[in-house]
C-alpha cells in the first residue's frame, strides 16, 4: 500500500473546520497521509474532531491559492457533482487503475475537493487533467465534504489490497503531454486548420485534447504521435 503516499488530498477553500478534522480522520483510517489546504479557516475545531488523526493536520500543507498547492503533482483529478458540457466526467472505478499505475511509479497525484457550498470553481476545474464525479441520489446529490473524501479513500484502500491485478504502465508526464500538444497545434496551424479565420478550431483543439486525456497516453505513444507529426511537417516542407 506504499503507493498511497503518492496521492494527496487537496481541500480548496473549505469553510467548516470540523470537515477538515473529519477528513483527517478518514484519511488516516484508509492509510492516506498527505493533506493540502487552500485558504483554510482556523483549525482549532478541526483538531478537536480529528482525535487520533491530529498528526495528519500537523503535517498538512497550507496555501493561500491553488496554483502553488498543485506545483508538486504530476497528475490532477478534480471532483464535481455537476455535468459539464465542455468536459468528460469519469467515475472512480475508471480512474483507479490509472491513478495506481502513476502512484506506483512515484508520480504524485492530487485530488481536488471544493468548498462545501458550491464546490470547485470553473477556474479550479481547468487545473485538472480529468474530472471525477462520485455518483449519488439525483434527488439529493450533495455529499458532505468529508464523506466525499472518505468514499475516494475507501475505494483506493480496497483496490490497494488487490494491487497485483493492476498493470503498471509508463504514462506520459504532464510536460511530455504539453510538448505533444504544442506539436499538434503547430501542425494544425501549418495546414490551415487552426487560425483566427476558422471559428471552430479552438473547440476542435479542446476536443482533441480531451480525447488524448481520456486515453491516458503512455510515453511510447506520445513519442509515436510526435514522430508522425514530424514526418508530416517534413513532407509539407518539401
C-alpha atoms as a PDB file:
ATOM      1  CA  UNK A   1       0.000   0.000   0.000  1.00  0.00           C
ATOM      2  CA  UNK A   2       3.051   2.275  -0.109  1.00  0.00           C
ATOM      3  CA  UNK A   3       1.741   3.858  -3.317  1.00  0.00           C
ATOM      4  CA  UNK A   4      -0.959   5.652  -1.286  1.00  0.00           C
ATOM      5  CA  UNK A   5       1.727   8.025  -0.027  1.00  0.00           C
ATOM      6  CA  UNK A   6       1.881   9.471  -3.545  1.00  0.00           C
ATOM      7  CA  UNK A   7      -1.792  10.525  -3.559  1.00  0.00           C
ATOM      8  CA  UNK A   8      -2.552  13.890  -1.986  1.00  0.00           C
ATOM      9  CA  UNK A   9      -5.949  15.158  -0.846  1.00  0.00           C
ATOM     10  CA  UNK A  10      -6.424  18.853  -1.653  1.00  0.00           C
ATOM     11  CA  UNK A  11      -9.253  20.767   0.042  1.00  0.00           C
ATOM     12  CA  UNK A  12      -9.914  24.024  -1.798  1.00  0.00           C
ATOM     13  CA  UNK A  13     -11.373  26.814   0.370  1.00  0.00           C
ATOM     14  CA  UNK A  14     -13.069  24.559   2.958  1.00  0.00           C
ATOM     15  CA  UNK A  15     -15.466  26.586   5.094  1.00  0.00           C
ATOM     16  CA  UNK A  16     -16.151  24.316   8.081  1.00  0.00           C
ATOM     17  CA  UNK A  17     -13.173  23.426  10.310  1.00  0.00           C
ATOM     18  CA  UNK A  18     -14.881  20.260  11.553  1.00  0.00           C
ATOM     19  CA  UNK A  19     -14.957  18.916   7.999  1.00  0.00           C
ATOM     20  CA  UNK A  20     -11.187  19.290   7.835  1.00  0.00           C
ATOM     21  CA  UNK A  21     -10.830  17.336  11.067  1.00  0.00           C
ATOM     22  CA  UNK A  22     -13.152  14.584   9.817  1.00  0.00           C
ATOM     23  CA  UNK A  23     -11.227  14.464   6.553  1.00  0.00           C
ATOM     24  CA  UNK A  24      -8.025  13.905   8.514  1.00  0.00           C
ATOM     25  CA  UNK A  25      -9.677  11.055  10.433  1.00  0.00           C
ATOM     26  CA  UNK A  26     -10.966   9.243   7.350  1.00  0.00           C
ATOM     27  CA  UNK A  27      -7.617   9.718   5.598  1.00  0.00           C
ATOM     28  CA  UNK A  28      -5.822   8.028   8.470  1.00  0.00           C
ATOM     29  CA  UNK A  29      -8.459   5.266   8.555  1.00  0.00           C
ATOM     30  CA  UNK A  30      -7.633   4.486   4.912  1.00  0.00           C
ATOM     31  CA  UNK A  31      -3.847   4.932   5.184  1.00  0.00           C
ATOM     32  CA  UNK A  32      -3.619   8.300   3.376  1.00  0.00           C
ATOM     33  CA  UNK A  33      -1.202  10.790   4.879  1.00  0.00           C
ATOM     34  CA  UNK A  34      -0.832  13.901   2.701  1.00  0.00           C
ATOM     35  CA  UNK A  35      -3.354  16.707   3.134  1.00  0.00           C
ATOM     36  CA  UNK A  36      -3.184  20.044   1.326  1.00  0.00           C
ATOM     37  CA  UNK A  37      -5.312  23.019   2.410  1.00  0.00           C
ATOM     38  CA  UNK A  38      -6.040  26.021   0.196  1.00  0.00           C
ATOM     39  CA  UNK A  39      -7.307  29.117   2.034  1.00  0.00           C
ATOM     40  CA  UNK A  40      -8.449  27.139   5.084  1.00  0.00           C
ATOM     41  CA  UNK A  41     -10.181  28.600   8.162  1.00  0.00           C
ATOM     42  CA  UNK A  42      -8.594  28.397  11.594  1.00  0.00           C
ATOM     43  CA  UNK A  43      -8.027  24.760  12.539  1.00  0.00           C
ATOM     44  CA  UNK A  44      -8.833  24.837  16.276  1.00  0.00           C
ATOM     45  CA  UNK A  45     -12.144  22.988  15.827  1.00  0.00           C
ATOM     46  CA  UNK A  46     -10.590  20.715  13.221  1.00  0.00           C
ATOM     47  CA  UNK A  47      -8.113  19.494  15.830  1.00  0.00           C
ATOM     48  CA  UNK A  48     -10.953  18.888  18.288  1.00  0.00           C
ATOM     49  CA  UNK A  49     -12.688  16.393  15.968  1.00  0.00           C
ATOM     50  CA  UNK A  50      -9.537  14.898  14.406  1.00  0.00           C
ATOM     51  CA  UNK A  51      -8.884  12.859  17.572  1.00  0.00           C
ATOM     52  CA  UNK A  52      -6.031  10.423  16.858  1.00  0.00           C
ATOM     53  CA  UNK A  53      -5.537  11.839  13.351  1.00  0.00           C
ATOM     54  CA  UNK A  54      -4.084  15.128  14.578  1.00  0.00           C
ATOM     55  CA  UNK A  55      -0.766  14.162  13.021  1.00  0.00           C
ATOM     56  CA  UNK A  56      -2.405  14.477   9.582  1.00  0.00           C
ATOM     57  CA  UNK A  57      -3.274  18.089  10.421  1.00  0.00           C
ATOM     58  CA  UNK A  58       0.196  18.707  11.850  1.00  0.00           C
ATOM     59  CA  UNK A  59       1.770  17.668   8.541  1.00  0.00           C
ATOM     60  CA  UNK A  60      -0.845  19.355   6.318  1.00  0.00           C
ATOM     61  CA  UNK A  61       0.479  21.979   3.910  1.00  0.00           C
ATOM     62  CA  UNK A  62      -1.443  25.261   3.673  1.00  0.00           C
ATOM     63  CA  UNK A  63      -1.536  27.614   0.692  1.00  0.00           C
ATOM     64  CA  UNK A  64      -3.215  30.945   0.009  1.00  0.00           C
ATOM     65  CA  UNK A  65      -4.137  29.979  -3.576  1.00  0.00           C
ATOM     66  CA  UNK A  66      -4.492  26.827  -5.686  1.00  0.00           C
ATOM     67  CA  UNK A  67      -1.576  27.011  -8.202  1.00  0.00           C
ATOM     68  CA  UNK A  68       1.211  26.701  -5.595  1.00  0.00           C
ATOM     69  CA  UNK A  69      -0.623  23.768  -3.991  1.00  0.00           C
ATOM     70  CA  UNK A  70      -0.559  21.881  -7.299  1.00  0.00           C
ATOM     71  CA  UNK A  71       3.084  22.502  -8.150  1.00  0.00           C
ATOM     72  CA  UNK A  72       4.369  19.150  -6.917  1.00  0.00           C
ATOM     73  CA  UNK A  73       1.720  16.988  -8.625  1.00  0.00           C
ATOM     74  CA  UNK A  74       2.177  15.170 -11.939  1.00  0.00           C
ATOM     75  CA  UNK A  75      -1.498  14.327 -12.408  1.00  0.00           C
ATOM     76  CA  UNK A  76      -4.562  16.105 -11.033  1.00  0.00           C
ATOM     77  CA  UNK A  77      -8.130  14.914 -10.519  1.00  0.00           C
ATOM     78  CA  UNK A  78     -10.931  17.338  -9.670  1.00  0.00           C
ATOM     79  CA  UNK A  79     -14.233  16.270  -8.146  1.00  0.00           C
ATOM     80  CA  UNK A  80     -17.541  17.746  -9.275  1.00  0.00           C
ATOM     81  CA  UNK A  81     -21.179  16.720  -8.968  1.00  0.00           C
ATOM     82  CA  UNK A  82     -22.339  18.756 -11.961  1.00  0.00           C
ATOM     83  CA  UNK A  83     -22.432  17.549 -15.536  1.00  0.00           C
ATOM     84  CA  UNK A  84     -20.123  19.716 -17.649  1.00  0.00           C
ATOM     85  CA  UNK A  85     -20.897  20.406 -21.298  1.00  0.00           C
ATOM     86  CA  UNK A  86     -17.264  21.127 -22.114  1.00  0.00           C
ATOM     87  CA  UNK A  87     -15.636  18.227 -20.244  1.00  0.00           C
ATOM     88  CA  UNK A  88     -15.869  14.491 -19.794  1.00  0.00           C
ATOM     89  CA  UNK A  89     -16.641  13.128 -16.351  1.00  0.00           C
ATOM     90  CA  UNK A  90     -15.244   9.834 -15.126  1.00  0.00           C
ATOM     91  CA  UNK A  91     -16.349   7.601 -12.312  1.00  0.00           C
ATOM     92  CA  UNK A  92     -13.974   6.365  -9.656  1.00  0.00           C
ATOM     93  CA  UNK A  93     -13.767   2.788 -10.942  1.00  0.00           C
ATOM     94  CA  UNK A  94     -12.496   4.014 -14.329  1.00  0.00           C
ATOM     95  CA  UNK A  95      -9.709   6.072 -12.795  1.00  0.00           C
ATOM     96  CA  UNK A  96      -8.419   3.670 -10.147  1.00  0.00           C
ATOM     97  CA  UNK A  97      -6.070   1.681 -12.474  1.00  0.00           C
ATOM     98  CA  UNK A  98      -4.627   4.869 -13.955  1.00  0.00           C
ATOM     99  CA  UNK A  99      -4.006   6.556 -10.611  1.00  0.00           C
ATOM    100  CA  UNK A 100      -2.492   3.423  -9.074  1.00  0.00           C
ATOM    101  CA  UNK A 101      -0.133   2.981 -12.023  1.00  0.00           C
ATOM    102  CA  UNK A 102       1.031   6.587 -11.691  1.00  0.00           C
ATOM    103  CA  UNK A 103       1.396   6.392  -7.919  1.00  0.00           C
ATOM    104  CA  UNK A 104       3.328   3.123  -8.075  1.00  0.00           C
ATOM    105  CA  UNK A 105       5.848   4.864 -10.316  1.00  0.00           C
ATOM    106  CA  UNK A 106       6.302   7.501  -7.576  1.00  0.00           C
ATOM    107  CA  UNK A 107       4.439  10.123  -9.596  1.00  0.00           C
ATOM    108  CA  UNK A 108       2.374  12.476  -7.458  1.00  0.00           C
ATOM    109  CA  UNK A 109      -1.415  12.554  -7.892  1.00  0.00           C
ATOM    110  CA  UNK A 110      -3.527  15.355  -6.454  1.00  0.00           C
ATOM    111  CA  UNK A 111      -7.272  15.054  -5.835  1.00  0.00           C
ATOM    112  CA  UNK A 112      -9.195  18.323  -5.538  1.00  0.00           C
ATOM    113  CA  UNK A 113     -12.306  18.722  -3.397  1.00  0.00           C
ATOM    114  CA  UNK A 114     -14.195  22.032  -3.421  1.00  0.00           C
ATOM    115  CA  UNK A 115     -15.817  24.138  -0.734  1.00  0.00           C
ATOM    116  CA  UNK A 116     -18.988  22.882   0.919  1.00  0.00           C
ATOM    117  CA  UNK A 117     -21.492  25.309  -0.601  1.00  0.00           C
ATOM    118  CA  UNK A 118     -20.648  25.302  -4.328  1.00  0.00           C
ATOM    119  CA  UNK A 119     -17.644  23.039  -4.885  1.00  0.00           C
ATOM    120  CA  UNK A 120     -14.798  23.898  -7.233  1.00  0.00           C
ATOM    121  CA  UNK A 121     -14.929  26.942  -9.496  1.00  0.00           C
ATOM    122  CA  UNK A 122     -14.602  26.703 -13.280  1.00  0.00           C
ATOM    123  CA  UNK A 123     -11.093  28.087 -12.956  1.00  0.00           C
ATOM    124  CA  UNK A 124     -10.202  25.412 -10.391  1.00  0.00           C
ATOM    125  CA  UNK A 125     -11.515  22.689 -12.705  1.00  0.00           C
ATOM    126  CA  UNK A 126      -9.281  23.927 -15.523  1.00  0.00           C
ATOM    127  CA  UNK A 127      -6.282  22.904 -13.414  1.00  0.00           C
ATOM    128  CA  UNK A 128      -7.281  19.249 -13.582  1.00  0.00           C
ATOM    129  CA  UNK A 129      -6.277  16.566 -16.065  1.00  0.00           C
ATOM    130  CA  UNK A 130      -9.567  14.740 -15.532  1.00  0.00           C
ATOM    131  CA  UNK A 131     -12.848  15.390 -13.752  1.00  0.00           C
ATOM    132  CA  UNK A 132     -14.340  12.898 -11.340  1.00  0.00           C
ATOM    133  CA  UNK A 133     -17.948  12.541 -10.249  1.00  0.00           C
ATOM    134  CA  UNK A 134     -18.997  10.426  -7.286  1.00  0.00           C
ATOM    135  CA  UNK A 135     -22.478   9.013  -8.082  1.00  0.00           C
ATOM    136  CA  UNK A 136     -25.257   9.774  -5.623  1.00  0.00           C
ATOM    137  CA  UNK A 137     -29.027  10.099  -5.392  1.00  0.00           C
ATOM    138  CA  UNK A 138     -30.047  12.576  -8.155  1.00  0.00           C
ATOM    139  CA  UNK A 139     -32.804  13.881  -5.874  1.00  0.00           C
ATOM    140  CA  UNK A 140     -30.263  14.618  -3.127  1.00  0.00           C
ATOM    141  CA  UNK A 141     -26.845  14.675  -4.822  1.00  0.00           C
ATOM    142  CA  UNK A 142     -24.757  16.849  -2.499  1.00  0.00           C
ATOM    143  CA  UNK A 143     -22.284  14.890  -0.396  1.00  0.00           C
ATOM    144  CA  UNK A 144     -20.651  16.200   2.747  1.00  0.00           C
ATOM    145  CA  UNK A 145     -17.022  17.149   2.074  1.00  0.00           C
ATOM    146  CA  UNK A 146     -15.550  14.601   4.478  1.00  0.00           C
ATOM    147  CA  UNK A 147     -17.920  11.901   3.143  1.00  0.00           C
ATOM    148  CA  UNK A 148     -16.694  12.553  -0.399  1.00  0.00           C
ATOM    149  CA  UNK A 149     -13.072  12.250   0.675  1.00  0.00           C
ATOM    150  CA  UNK A 150     -13.978   9.106   2.615  1.00  0.00           C
ATOM    151  CA  UNK A 151     -15.545   7.420  -0.429  1.00  0.00           C
ATOM    152  CA  UNK A 152     -12.500   8.225  -2.546  1.00  0.00           C
ATOM    153  CA  UNK A 153     -10.013   6.994   0.053  1.00  0.00           C
ATOM    154  CA  UNK A 154     -12.036   3.847   0.769  1.00  0.00           C
ATOM    155  CA  UNK A 155     -12.122   2.817  -2.901  1.00  0.00           C
ATOM    156  CA  UNK A 156      -8.366   3.222  -3.235  1.00  0.00           C
ATOM    157  CA  UNK A 157      -7.685   1.465   0.048  1.00  0.00           C
ATOM    158  CA  UNK A 158      -9.757  -1.517  -1.129  1.00  0.00           C
ATOM    159  CA  UNK A 159      -8.009  -1.519  -4.506  1.00  0.00           C
ATOM    160  CA  UNK A 160      -4.642  -1.488  -2.769  1.00  0.00           C
ATOM    161  CA  UNK A 161      -5.494  -4.926  -1.374  1.00  0.00           C
ATOM    162  CA  UNK A 162      -5.666  -6.213  -4.964  1.00  0.00           C
ATOM    163  CA  UNK A 163      -2.704  -4.294  -6.328  1.00  0.00           C
ATOM    164  CA  UNK A 164      -1.308  -7.343  -8.104  1.00  0.00           C
ATOM    165  CA  UNK A 165      -4.204  -7.112 -10.570  1.00  0.00           C
ATOM    166  CA  UNK A 166      -3.335  -3.583 -11.708  1.00  0.00           C
ATOM    167  CA  UNK A 167      -0.850  -3.243 -14.607  1.00  0.00           C
ATOM    168  CA  UNK A 168       1.939  -0.696 -14.233  1.00  0.00           C
ATOM    169  CA  UNK A 169       2.157   1.447 -17.362  1.00  0.00           C
ATOM    170  CA  UNK A 170       4.634   4.147 -18.322  1.00  0.00           C
ATOM    171  CA  UNK A 171       2.178   7.001 -18.600  1.00  0.00           C
ATOM    172  CA  UNK A 172       3.478  10.208 -20.130  1.00  0.00           C
ATOM    173  CA  UNK A 173       4.188  13.108 -17.786  1.00  0.00           C
ATOM    174  CA  UNK A 174       2.315  16.398 -17.962  1.00  0.00           C
ATOM    175  CA  UNK A 175       5.409  18.000 -19.524  1.00  0.00           C
ATOM    176  CA  UNK A 176       5.520  15.355 -22.256  1.00  0.00           C
ATOM    177  CA  UNK A 177       1.804  15.741 -22.932  1.00  0.00           C
ATOM    178  CA  UNK A 178       2.055  19.545 -23.169  1.00  0.00           C
ATOM    179  CA  UNK A 179       5.023  19.207 -25.549  1.00  0.00           C
ATOM    180  CA  UNK A 180       2.936  16.918 -27.740  1.00  0.00           C
ATOM    181  CA  UNK A 181       0.051  19.403 -27.692  1.00  0.00           C
ATOM    182  CA  UNK A 182       2.435  22.093 -28.948  1.00  0.00           C
ATOM    183  CA  UNK A 183       3.467  19.810 -31.818  1.00  0.00           C
ATOM    184  CA  UNK A 184      -0.191  19.142 -32.581  1.00  0.00           C
ATOM    185  CA  UNK A 185      -1.215  22.806 -32.583  1.00  0.00           C
ATOM    186  CA  UNK A 186       1.765  23.754 -34.768  1.00  0.00           C
ATOM    187  CA  UNK A 187       0.951  21.185 -37.441  1.00  0.00           C
ATOM    188  CA  UNK A 188      -2.730  22.147 -37.454  1.00  0.00           C
ATOM    189  CA  UNK A 189      -1.715  25.754 -37.902  1.00  0.00           C
ATOM    190  CA  UNK A 190       0.573  24.830 -40.817  1.00  0.00           C
ATOM    191  CA  UNK A 191      -2.198  23.031 -42.677  1.00  0.00           C
ATOM    192  CA  UNK A 192      -4.537  25.975 -42.103  1.00  0.00           C
ATOM    193  CA  UNK A 193      -6.890  24.230 -39.684  1.00  0.00           C
ATOM    194  CA  UNK A 194      -6.075  26.310 -36.618  1.00  0.00           C
ATOM    195  CA  UNK A 195      -6.394  30.019 -37.302  1.00  0.00           C
ATOM    196  CA  UNK A 196      -8.500  33.046 -36.430  1.00  0.00           C
ATOM    197  CA  UNK A 197     -10.363  32.530 -39.692  1.00  0.00           C
ATOM    198  CA  UNK A 198     -11.570  29.092 -38.589  1.00  0.00           C
ATOM    199  CA  UNK A 199     -14.070  29.798 -35.763  1.00  0.00           C
ATOM    200  CA  UNK A 200     -14.451  26.171 -34.694  1.00  0.00           C
ATOM    201  CA  UNK A 201     -10.709  25.429 -34.490  1.00  0.00           C
ATOM    202  CA  UNK A 202     -10.348  26.304 -30.797  1.00  0.00           C
ATOM    203  CA  UNK A 203     -13.229  23.997 -29.893  1.00  0.00           C
ATOM    204  CA  UNK A 204     -11.753  21.261 -32.094  1.00  0.00           C
ATOM    205  CA  UNK A 205      -8.378  21.537 -30.370  1.00  0.00           C
ATOM    206  CA  UNK A 206     -10.090  21.235 -26.975  1.00  0.00           C
ATOM    207  CA  UNK A 207     -11.941  18.152 -28.188  1.00  0.00           C
ATOM    208  CA  UNK A 208      -8.715  16.550 -29.400  1.00  0.00           C
ATOM    209  CA  UNK A 209      -7.058  17.227 -26.066  1.00  0.00           C
ATOM    210  CA  UNK A 210      -9.976  15.596 -24.241  1.00  0.00           C
ATOM    211  CA  UNK A 211      -9.667  12.530 -26.491  1.00  0.00           C
ATOM    212  CA  UNK A 212      -5.973  12.168 -25.698  1.00  0.00           C
ATOM    213  CA  UNK A 213      -6.568  12.783 -21.983  1.00  0.00           C
ATOM    214  CA  UNK A 214      -9.221  10.072 -21.962  1.00  0.00           C
ATOM    215  CA  UNK A 215      -6.788   7.533 -23.438  1.00  0.00           C
ATOM    216  CA  UNK A 216      -4.066   8.189 -20.813  1.00  0.00           C
ATOM    217  CA  UNK A 217      -1.187   8.247 -23.297  1.00  0.00           C
ATOM    218  CA  UNK A 218       1.985   6.363 -22.422  1.00  0.00           C
ATOM    219  CA  UNK A 219       5.460   7.759 -23.067  1.00  0.00           C
ATOM    220  CA  UNK A 220       5.872   5.446 -26.052  1.00  0.00           C
ATOM    221  CA  UNK A 221       2.542   6.531 -27.565  1.00  0.00           C
ATOM    222  CA  UNK A 222       3.427  10.210 -27.210  1.00  0.00           C
ATOM    223  CA  UNK A 223       6.766   9.640 -28.933  1.00  0.00           C
ATOM    224  CA  UNK A 224       4.994   7.789 -31.745  1.00  0.00           C
ATOM    225  CA  UNK A 225       2.487  10.610 -32.264  1.00  0.00           C
ATOM    226  CA  UNK A 226       5.254  13.223 -32.238  1.00  0.00           C
ATOM    227  CA  UNK A 227       7.204  11.209 -34.804  1.00  0.00           C
ATOM    228  CA  UNK A 228       4.135  11.082 -37.080  1.00  0.00           C
ATOM    229  CA  UNK A 229       3.649  14.844 -36.786  1.00  0.00           C
ATOM    230  CA  UNK A 230       7.324  15.470 -37.560  1.00  0.00           C
ATOM    231  CA  UNK A 231       7.027  13.251 -40.638  1.00  0.00           C
ATOM    232  CA  UNK A 232       4.005  15.259 -41.815  1.00  0.00           C
ATOM    233  CA  UNK A 233       5.926  18.508 -41.307  1.00  0.00           C
ATOM    234  CA  UNK A 234       8.821  17.084 -43.296  1.00  0.00           C
ATOM    235  CA  UNK A 235       6.502  16.261 -46.214  1.00  0.00           C
ATOM    236  CA  UNK A 236       4.876  19.694 -46.077  1.00  0.00           C
ATOM    237  CA  UNK A 237       8.223  21.496 -46.216  1.00  0.00           C
ATOM    238  CA  UNK A 238       9.245  19.820 -49.485  1.00  0.00           C
END
